[in-house]
Amino acid sequence: AIQVRDIAASARFYDAVLAPLGGKRTKVFGENVGY
């Protein structure tokens, strides 16, 4: 788990950069976002 200042901005970033590696958003738990 890594702490981020802006969940929405970081989630957009990781949505984009993990897709080419086969990764994706797999769970939202409260404010936390899992990949």
PDB file of all heavy atoms in Angstrom:
ATOM      1  N   ALA A   1       0.855  -1.187   0.000  1.00  0.00           N
ATOM      2  CA  ALA A   1       0.000   0.000   0.000  1.00  0.00           C
ATOM      3  C   ALA A   1       0.888   1.234   0.000  1.00  0.00           C
ATOM      4  O   ALA A   1       1.874   1.278   0.728  1.00  0.00           O
ATOM      5  CB  ALA A   1      -0.910   0.008   1.227  1.00  0.00           C
ATOM      6  N   ILE A   2       0.525   2.217  -0.828  1.00  0.00           N
ATOM      7  CA  ILE A   2       1.260   3.474  -0.835  1.00  0.00           C
ATOM      8  C   ILE A   2       0.287   4.608  -0.554  1.00  0.00           C
ATOM      9  O   ILE A   2      -0.859   4.582  -0.993  1.00  0.00           O
ATOM     10  CB  ILE A   2       2.032   3.708  -2.152  1.00  0.00           C
ATOM     11  CG1 ILE A   2       1.098   3.750  -3.365  1.00  0.00           C
ATOM     12  CG2 ILE A   2       3.098   2.639  -2.344  1.00  0.00           C
ATOM     13  CD1 ILE A   2       1.792   4.153  -4.650  1.00  0.00           C
ATOM     14  N   GLN A   3       0.759   5.569   0.223  1.00  0.00           N
ATOM     15  CA  GLN A   3      -0.061   6.736   0.538  1.00  0.00           C
ATOM     16  C   GLN A   3       0.025   7.732  -0.605  1.00  0.00           C
ATOM     17  O   GLN A   3       1.101   7.978  -1.142  1.00  0.00           O
ATOM     18  CB  GLN A   3       0.418   7.395   1.830  1.00  0.00           C
ATOM     19  CG  GLN A   3       0.135   6.567   3.053  1.00  0.00           C
ATOM     20  CD  GLN A   3       0.473   7.325   4.326  1.00  0.00           C
ATOM     21  OE1 GLN A   3       1.218   8.297   4.319  1.00  0.00           O
ATOM     22  NE2 GLN A   3      -0.082   6.865   5.424  1.00  0.00           N
ATOM     23  N   VAL A   4      -1.137   8.307  -0.937  1.00  0.00           N
ATOM     24  CA  VAL A   4      -1.204   9.287  -2.015  1.00  0.00           C
ATOM     25  C   VAL A   4      -1.985  10.507  -1.535  1.00  0.00           C
ATOM     26  O   VAL A   4      -2.840  10.404  -0.664  1.00  0.00           O
ATOM     27  CB  VAL A   4      -1.843   8.693  -3.290  1.00  0.00           C
ATOM     28  CG1 VAL A   4      -1.018   7.519  -3.809  1.00  0.00           C
ATOM     29  CG2 VAL A   4      -3.277   8.256  -3.055  1.00  0.00           C
ATOM     30  N   ARG A   5      -1.677  11.666  -2.082  1.00  0.00           N
ATOM     31  CA  ARG A   5      -2.341  12.920  -1.692  1.00  0.00           C
ATOM     32  C   ARG A   5      -3.735  13.056  -2.298  1.00  0.00           C
ATOM     33  O   ARG A   5      -4.629  13.588  -1.685  1.00  0.00           O
ATOM     34  CB  ARG A   5      -1.493  14.120  -2.104  1.00  0.00           C
ATOM     35  CG  ARG A   5      -0.181  14.175  -1.407  1.00  0.00           C
ATOM     36  CD  ARG A   5      -0.265  15.085  -0.205  1.00  0.00           C
ATOM     37  NE  ARG A   5       0.963  14.948   0.555  1.00  0.00           N
ATOM     38  CZ  ARG A   5       0.986  14.603   1.837  1.00  0.00           C
ATOM     39  NH1 ARG A   5      -0.110  14.396   2.503  1.00  0.00           N
ATOM     40  NH2 ARG A   5       2.119  14.490   2.456  1.00  0.00           N
ATOM     41  N   ASP A   6      -3.901  12.591  -3.537  1.00  0.00           N
ATOM     42  CA  ASP A   6      -5.168  12.743  -4.256  1.00  0.00           C
ATOM     43  C   ASP A   6      -5.531  11.391  -4.851  1.00  0.00           C
ATOM     44  O   ASP A   6      -4.987  10.997  -5.886  1.00  0.00           O
ATOM     45  CB  ASP A   6      -4.998  13.810  -5.338  1.00  0.00           C
ATOM     46  CG  ASP A   6      -6.258  14.110  -6.122  1.00  0.00           C
ATOM     47  OD1 ASP A   6      -7.155  13.240  -6.208  1.00  0.00           O
ATOM     48  OD2 ASP A   6      -6.338  15.223  -6.680  1.00  0.00           O
ATOM     49  N   ILE A   7      -6.438  10.683  -4.190  1.00  0.00           N
ATOM     50  CA  ILE A   7      -6.815   9.334  -4.621  1.00  0.00           C
ATOM     51  C   ILE A   7      -7.281   9.333  -6.081  1.00  0.00           C
ATOM     52  O   ILE A   7      -6.865   8.493  -6.876  1.00  0.00           O
ATOM     53  CB  ILE A   7      -7.912   8.744  -3.706  1.00  0.00           C
ATOM     54  CG1 ILE A   7      -7.324   8.378  -2.338  1.00  0.00           C
ATOM     55  CG2 ILE A   7      -8.582   7.519  -4.327  1.00  0.00           C
ATOM     56  CD1 ILE A   7      -6.508   7.117  -2.286  1.00  0.00           C
ATOM     57  N   ALA A   8      -8.153  10.277  -6.457  1.00  0.00           N
ATOM     58  CA  ALA A   8      -8.705  10.294  -7.813  1.00  0.00           C
ATOM     59  C   ALA A   8      -7.602  10.483  -8.861  1.00  0.00           C
ATOM     60  O   ALA A   8      -7.564   9.780  -9.870  1.00  0.00           O
ATOM     61  CB  ALA A   8      -9.765  11.377  -7.947  1.00  0.00           C
ATOM     62  N   ALA A   9      -6.694  11.433  -8.632  1.00  0.00           N
ATOM     63  CA  ALA A   9      -5.604  11.684  -9.590  1.00  0.00           C
ATOM     64  C   ALA A   9      -4.673  10.485  -9.675  1.00  0.00           C
ATOM     65  O   ALA A   9      -4.275  10.076 -10.778  1.00  0.00           O
ATOM     66  CB  ALA A   9      -4.828  12.935  -9.196  1.00  0.00           C
ATOM     67  N   SER A  10      -4.335   9.910  -8.542  1.00  0.00           N
ATOM     68  CA  SER A  10      -3.446   8.749  -8.548  1.00  0.00           C
ATOM     69  C   SER A  10      -4.123   7.546  -9.194  1.00  0.00           C
ATOM     70  O   SER A  10      -3.481   6.791  -9.929  1.00  0.00           O
ATOM     71  CB  SER A  10      -2.995   8.420  -7.127  1.00  0.00           C
ATOM     72  OG  SER A  10      -2.142   9.429  -6.653  1.00  0.00           O
ATOM     73  N   ALA A  11      -5.404   7.356  -8.944  1.00  0.00           N
ATOM     74  CA  ALA A  11      -6.129   6.240  -9.555  1.00  0.00           C
ATOM     75  C   ALA A  11      -6.155   6.388 -11.077  1.00  0.00           C
ATOM     76  O   ALA A  11      -5.951   5.398 -11.802  1.00  0.00           O
ATOM     77  CB  ALA A  11      -7.541   6.149  -8.988  1.00  0.00           C
ATOM     78  N   ARG A  12      -6.375   7.602 -11.580  1.00  0.00           N
ATOM     79  CA  ARG A  12      -6.345   7.809 -13.040  1.00  0.00           C
ATOM     80  C   ARG A  12      -4.971   7.452 -13.602  1.00  0.00           C
ATOM     81  O   ARG A  12      -4.855   6.817 -14.648  1.00  0.00           O
ATOM     82  CB  ARG A  12      -6.703   9.253 -13.388  1.00  0.00           C
ATOM     83  CG  ARG A  12      -8.180   9.565 -13.277  1.00  0.00           C
ATOM     84  CD  ARG A  12      -8.538  10.924 -13.864  1.00  0.00           C
ATOM     85  NE  ARG A  12      -7.815  12.035 -13.263  1.00  0.00           N
ATOM     86  CZ  ARG A  12      -8.189  12.657 -12.143  1.00  0.00           C
ATOM     87  NH1 ARG A  12      -9.274  12.283 -11.498  1.00  0.00           N
ATOM     88  NH2 ARG A  12      -7.474  13.676 -11.681  1.00  0.00           N
ATOM     89  N   PHE A  13      -3.908   7.878 -12.893  1.00  0.00           N
ATOM     90  CA  PHE A  13      -2.544   7.584 -13.323  1.00  0.00           C
ATOM     91  C   PHE A  13      -2.311   6.070 -13.372  1.00  0.00           C
ATOM     92  O   PHE A  13      -1.860   5.536 -14.385  1.00  0.00           O
ATOM     93  CB  PHE A  13      -1.535   8.250 -12.379  1.00  0.00           C
ATOM     94  CG  PHE A  13      -0.109   7.888 -12.648  1.00  0.00           C
ATOM     95  CD1 PHE A  13       0.596   8.520 -13.652  1.00  0.00           C
ATOM     96  CD2 PHE A  13       0.530   6.907 -11.904  1.00  0.00           C
ATOM     97  CE1 PHE A  13       1.918   8.186 -13.909  1.00  0.00           C
ATOM     98  CE2 PHE A  13       1.847   6.568 -12.148  1.00  0.00           C
ATOM     99  CZ  PHE A  13       2.538   7.211 -13.155  1.00  0.00           C
ATOM    100  N   TYR A  14      -2.619   5.366 -12.289  1.00  0.00           N
ATOM    101  CA  TYR A  14      -2.366   3.927 -12.245  1.00  0.00           C
ATOM    102  C   TYR A  14      -3.293   3.154 -13.176  1.00  0.00           C
ATOM    103  O   TYR A  14      -2.891   2.122 -13.726  1.00  0.00           O
ATOM    104  CB  TYR A  14      -2.399   3.407 -10.800  1.00  0.00           C
ATOM    105  CG  TYR A  14      -1.135   3.768 -10.078  1.00  0.00           C
ATOM    106  CD1 TYR A  14      -1.075   4.871  -9.235  1.00  0.00           C
ATOM    107  CD2 TYR A  14       0.036   3.039 -10.278  1.00  0.00           C
ATOM    108  CE1 TYR A  14       0.109   5.233  -8.601  1.00  0.00           C
ATOM    109  CE2 TYR A  14       1.223   3.388  -9.651  1.00  0.00           C
ATOM    110  CZ  TYR A  14       1.253   4.484  -8.820  1.00  0.00           C
ATOM    111  OH  TYR A  14       2.436   4.833  -8.202  1.00  0.00           O
ATOM    112  N   ASP A  15      -4.524   3.631 -13.404  1.00  0.00           N
ATOM    113  CA  ASP A  15      -5.393   3.012 -14.413  1.00  0.00           C
ATOM    114  C   ASP A  15      -4.660   3.003 -15.763  1.00  0.00           C
ATOM    115  O   ASP A  15      -4.653   1.988 -16.475  1.00  0.00           O
ATOM    116  CB  ASP A  15      -6.701   3.799 -14.584  1.00  0.00           C
ATOM    117  CG  ASP A  15      -7.687   3.637 -13.442  1.00  0.00           C
ATOM    118  OD1 ASP A  15      -7.529   2.725 -12.606  1.00  0.00           O
ATOM    119  OD2 ASP A  15      -8.637   4.448 -13.388  1.00  0.00           O
ATOM    120  N   ALA A  16      -4.069   4.133 -16.119  1.00  0.00           N
ATOM    121  CA  ALA A  16      -3.418   4.283 -17.423  1.00  0.00           C
ATOM    122  C   ALA A  16      -2.128   3.490 -17.524  1.00  0.00           C
ATOM    123  O   ALA A  16      -1.904   2.787 -18.513  1.00  0.00           O
ATOM    124  CB  ALA A  16      -3.147   5.762 -17.708  1.00  0.00           C
ATOM    125  N   VAL A  17      -1.249   3.585 -16.519  1.00  0.00           N
ATOM    126  CA  VAL A  17       0.080   2.976 -16.661  1.00  0.00           C
ATOM    127  C   VAL A  17       0.099   1.481 -16.391  1.00  0.00           C
ATOM    128  O   VAL A  17       0.981   0.783 -16.887  1.00  0.00           O
ATOM    129  CB  VAL A  17       1.148   3.692 -15.804  1.00  0.00           C
ATOM    130  CG1 VAL A  17       1.220   5.165 -16.154  1.00  0.00           C
ATOM    131  CG2 VAL A  17       0.956   3.481 -14.325  1.00  0.00           C
ATOM    132  N   LEU A  18      -0.858   0.963 -15.635  1.00  0.00           N
ATOM    133  CA  LEU A  18      -0.870  -0.475 -15.377  1.00  0.00           C
ATOM    134  C   LEU A  18      -1.546  -1.267 -16.485  1.00  0.00           C
ATOM    135  O   LEU A  18      -1.276  -2.460 -16.649  1.00  0.00           O
ATOM    136  CB  LEU A  18      -1.527  -0.770 -14.029  1.00  0.00           C
ATOM    137  CG  LEU A  18      -0.739  -0.263 -12.817  1.00  0.00           C
ATOM    138  CD1 LEU A  18      -1.482  -0.601 -11.535  1.00  0.00           C
ATOM    139  CD2 LEU A  18       0.674  -0.835 -12.791  1.00  0.00           C
ATOM    140  N   ALA A  19      -2.401  -0.629 -17.275  1.00  0.00           N
ATOM    141  CA  ALA A  19      -3.094  -1.338 -18.358  1.00  0.00           C
ATOM    142  C   ALA A  19      -2.130  -2.031 -19.325  1.00  0.00           C
ATOM    143  O   ALA A  19      -2.335  -3.211 -19.650  1.00  0.00           O
ATOM    144  CB  ALA A  19      -4.032  -0.391 -19.092  1.00  0.00           C
ATOM    145  N   PRO A  20      -1.043  -1.371 -19.783  1.00  0.00           N
ATOM    146  CA  PRO A  20      -0.128  -2.062 -20.701  1.00  0.00           C
ATOM    147  C   PRO A  20       0.587  -3.255 -20.061  1.00  0.00           C
ATOM    148  O   PRO A  20       1.122  -4.106 -20.759  1.00  0.00           O
ATOM    149  CB  PRO A  20       0.892  -0.986 -21.086  1.00  0.00           C
ATOM    150  CG  PRO A  20       0.230   0.311 -20.798  1.00  0.00           C
ATOM    151  CD  PRO A  20      -0.685   0.043 -19.637  1.00  0.00           C
ATOM    152  N   LEU A  21       0.590  -3.316 -18.733  1.00  0.00           N
ATOM    153  CA  LEU A  21       1.259  -4.400 -18.023  1.00  0.00           C
ATOM    154  C   LEU A  21       0.276  -5.493 -17.610  1.00  0.00           C
ATOM    155  O   LEU A  21       0.639  -6.435 -16.915  1.00  0.00           O
ATOM    156  CB  LEU A  21       1.970  -3.849 -16.774  1.00  0.00           C
ATOM    157  CG  LEU A  21       2.955  -2.705 -17.021  1.00  0.00           C
ATOM    158  CD1 LEU A  21       3.524  -2.200 -15.719  1.00  0.00           C
ATOM    159  CD2 LEU A  21       4.063  -3.146 -17.967  1.00  0.00           C
ATOM    160  N   GLY A  22      -0.987  -5.351 -18.002  1.00  0.00           N
ATOM    161  CA  GLY A  22      -1.993  -6.339 -17.657  1.00  0.00           C
ATOM    162  C   GLY A  22      -2.675  -6.082 -16.329  1.00  0.00           C
ATOM    163  O   GLY A  22      -3.483  -6.877 -15.868  1.00  0.00           O
ATOM    164  N   GLY A  23      -2.356  -4.960 -15.693  1.00  0.00           N
ATOM    165  CA  GLY A  23      -2.955  -4.627 -14.402  1.00  0.00           C
ATOM    166  C   GLY A  23      -4.200  -3.778 -14.568  1.00  0.00           C
ATOM    167  O   GLY A  23      -4.370  -3.094 -15.568  1.00  0.00           O
ATOM    168  N   LYS A  24      -5.072  -3.857 -13.577  1.00  0.00           N
ATOM    169  CA  LYS A  24      -6.291  -3.059 -13.616  1.00  0.00           C
ATOM    170  C   LYS A  24      -6.792  -2.823 -12.198  1.00  0.00           C
ATOM    171  O   LYS A  24      -6.363  -3.485 -11.247  1.00  0.00           O
ATOM    172  CB  LYS A  24      -7.367  -3.754 -14.435  1.00  0.00           C
ATOM    173  CG  LYS A  24      -7.787  -5.077 -13.835  1.00  0.00           C
ATOM    174  CD  LYS A  24      -8.797  -5.773 -14.701  1.00  0.00           C
ATOM    175  CE  LYS A  24      -9.135  -7.115 -14.055  1.00  0.00           C
ATOM    176  NZ  LYS A  24      -9.749  -8.037 -14.932  1.00  0.00           N
ATOM    177  N   ARG A  25      -7.715  -1.899 -12.079  1.00  0.00           N
ATOM    178  CA  ARG A  25      -8.369  -1.619 -10.808  1.00  0.00           C
ATOM    179  C   ARG A  25      -9.224  -2.843 -10.469  1.00  0.00           C
ATOM    180  O   ARG A  25     -10.079  -3.241 -11.236  1.00  0.00           O
ATOM    181  CB  ARG A  25      -9.241  -0.374 -10.938  1.00  0.00           C
ATOM    182  CG  ARG A  25      -9.632   0.228  -9.624  1.00  0.00           C
ATOM    183  CD  ARG A  25     -10.526   1.428  -9.778  1.00  0.00           C
ATOM    184  NE  ARG A  25      -9.927   2.526 -10.529  1.00  0.00           N
ATOM    185  CZ  ARG A  25     -10.315   3.789 -10.421  1.00  0.00           C
ATOM    186  NH1 ARG A  25     -11.310   4.109  -9.607  1.00  0.00           N
ATOM    187  NH2 ARG A  25      -9.739   4.727 -11.132  1.00  0.00           N
ATOM    188  N   THR A  26      -8.970  -3.442  -9.307  1.00  0.00           N
ATOM    189  CA  THR A  26      -9.674  -4.670  -8.939  1.00  0.00           C
ATOM    190  C   THR A  26     -10.626  -4.509  -7.765  1.00  0.00           C
ATOM    191  O   THR A  26     -11.479  -5.364  -7.553  1.00  0.00           O
ATOM    192  CB  THR A  26      -8.674  -5.796  -8.605  1.00  0.00           C
ATOM    193  OG1 THR A  26      -7.776  -5.340  -7.589  1.00  0.00           O
ATOM    194  CG2 THR A  26      -7.888  -6.211  -9.845  1.00  0.00           C
ATOM    195  N   LYS A  27     -10.470  -3.428  -6.983  1.00  0.00           N
ATOM    196  CA  LYS A  27     -11.351  -3.261  -5.830  1.00  0.00           C
ATOM    197  C   LYS A  27     -11.291  -1.826  -5.340  1.00  0.00           C
ATOM    198  O   LYS A  27     -10.252  -1.195  -5.372  1.00  0.00           O
ATOM    199  CB  LYS A  27     -10.938  -4.205  -4.699  1.00  0.00           C
ATOM    200  CG  LYS A  27     -11.891  -4.198  -3.523  1.00  0.00           C
ATOM    201  CD  LYS A  27     -11.547  -5.316  -2.550  1.00  0.00           C
ATOM    202  CE  LYS A  27     -12.578  -5.362  -1.463  1.00  0.00           C
ATOM    203  NZ  LYS A  27     -13.277  -6.623  -1.394  1.00  0.00           N
ATOM    204  N   VAL A  28     -12.434  -1.334  -4.880  1.00  0.00           N
ATOM    205  CA  VAL A  28     -12.498  -0.066  -4.172  1.00  0.00           C
ATOM    206  C   VAL A  28     -13.079  -0.395  -2.808  1.00  0.00           C
ATOM    207  O   VAL A  28     -14.138  -1.021  -2.703  1.00  0.00           O
ATOM    208  CB  VAL A  28     -13.373   0.966  -4.916  1.00  0.00           C
ATOM    209  CG1 VAL A  28     -13.523   2.238  -4.100  1.00  0.00           C
ATOM    210  CG2 VAL A  28     -12.783   1.275  -6.285  1.00  0.00           C
ATOM    211  N   PHE A  29     -12.349  -0.016  -1.763  1.00  0.00           N
ATOM    212  CA  PHE A  29     -12.749  -0.310  -0.392  1.00  0.00           C
ATOM    213  C   PHE A  29     -12.691   0.996   0.382  1.00  0.00           C
ATOM    214  O   PHE A  29     -11.611   1.464   0.729  1.00  0.00           O
ATOM    215  CB  PHE A  29     -11.814  -1.357   0.210  1.00  0.00           C
ATOM    216  CG  PHE A  29     -12.165  -1.772   1.598  1.00  0.00           C
ATOM    217  CD1 PHE A  29     -13.259  -2.588   1.836  1.00  0.00           C
ATOM    218  CD2 PHE A  29     -11.400  -1.353   2.667  1.00  0.00           C
ATOM    219  CE1 PHE A  29     -13.585  -2.980   3.121  1.00  0.00           C
ATOM    220  CE2 PHE A  29     -11.712  -1.730   3.952  1.00  0.00           C
ATOM    221  CZ  PHE A  29     -12.815  -2.550   4.184  1.00  0.00           C
ATOM    222  N   GLY A  30     -13.834   1.628   0.569  1.00  0.00           N
ATOM    223  CA  GLY A  30     -13.837   2.962   1.159  1.00  0.00           C
ATOM    224  C   GLY A  30     -13.121   3.911   0.225  1.00  0.00           C
ATOM    225  O   GLY A  30     -13.431   3.973  -0.968  1.00  0.00           O
ATOM    226  N   GLU A  31     -12.133   4.641   0.741  1.00  0.00           N
ATOM    227  CA  GLU A  31     -11.326   5.543  -0.094  1.00  0.00           C
ATOM    228  C   GLU A  31     -10.166   4.824  -0.772  1.00  0.00           C
ATOM    229  O   GLU A  31      -9.496   5.399  -1.620  1.00  0.00           O
ATOM    230  CB  GLU A  31     -10.762   6.684   0.758  1.00  0.00           C
ATOM    231  CG  GLU A  31     -11.794   7.653   1.280  1.00  0.00           C
ATOM    232  CD  GLU A  31     -11.123   8.789   2.018  1.00  0.00           C
ATOM    233  OE1 GLU A  31     -10.624   9.709   1.351  1.00  0.00           O
ATOM    234  OE2 GLU A  31     -11.094   8.734   3.261  1.00  0.00           O
ATOM    235  N   ASN A  32      -9.894   3.597  -0.397  1.00  0.00           N
ATOM    236  CA  ASN A  32      -8.752   2.845  -0.906  1.00  0.00           C
ATOM    237  C   ASN A  32      -9.069   2.212  -2.254  1.00  0.00           C
ATOM    238  O   ASN A  32     -10.183   1.746  -2.484  1.00  0.00           O
ATOM    239  CB  ASN A  32      -8.353   1.757   0.090  1.00  0.00           C
ATOM    240  CG  ASN A  32      -8.092   2.320   1.470  1.00  0.00           C
ATOM    241  OD1 ASN A  32      -7.520   3.391   1.613  1.00  0.00           O
ATOM    242  ND2 ASN A  32      -8.524   1.613   2.486  1.00  0.00           N
ATOM    243  N   VAL A  33      -8.060   2.183  -3.134  1.00  0.00           N
ATOM    244  CA  VAL A  33      -8.227   1.607  -4.470  1.00  0.00           C
ATOM    245  C   VAL A  33      -7.173   0.523  -4.648  1.00  0.00           C
ATOM    246  O   VAL A  33      -5.980   0.769  -4.458  1.00  0.00           O
ATOM    247  CB  VAL A  33      -8.077   2.691  -5.562  1.00  0.00           C
ATOM    248  CG1 VAL A  33      -8.242   2.082  -6.949  1.00  0.00           C
ATOM    249  CG2 VAL A  33      -9.081   3.820  -5.348  1.00  0.00           C
ATOM    250  N   GLY A  34      -7.629  -0.691  -5.020  1.00  0.00           N
ATOM    251  CA  GLY A  34      -6.732  -1.819  -5.216  1.00  0.00           C
ATOM    252  C   GLY A  34      -6.522  -2.136  -6.685  1.00  0.00           C
ATOM    253  O   GLY A  34      -7.429  -1.969  -7.510  1.00  0.00           O
ATOM    254  N   TYR A  35      -5.320  -2.607  -7.004  1.00  0.00           N
ATOM    255  CA  TYR A  35      -4.934  -2.981  -8.371  1.00  0.00           C
ATOM    256  C   TYR A  35      -4.276  -4.349  -8.364  1.00  0.00           C
ATOM    257  O   TYR A  35      -3.673  -4.753  -7.375  1.00  0.00           O
ATOM    258  CB  TYR A  35      -3.919  -1.975  -8.941  1.00  0.00           C
ATOM    259  CG  TYR A  35      -4.523  -0.642  -9.237  1.00  0.00           C
ATOM    260  CD1 TYR A  35      -4.597   0.341  -8.257  1.00  0.00           C
ATOM    261  CD2 TYR A  35      -5.044  -0.361 -10.491  1.00  0.00           C
ATOM    262  CE1 TYR A  35      -5.176   1.565  -8.519  1.00  0.00           C
ATOM    263  CE2 TYR A  35      -5.617   0.860 -10.765  1.00  0.00           C
ATOM    264  CZ  TYR A  35      -5.685   1.818  -9.774  1.00  0.00           C
ATOM    265  OH  TYR A  35      -6.269   3.022 -10.044  1.00  0.00           O
TER     266      TYR A  35
END
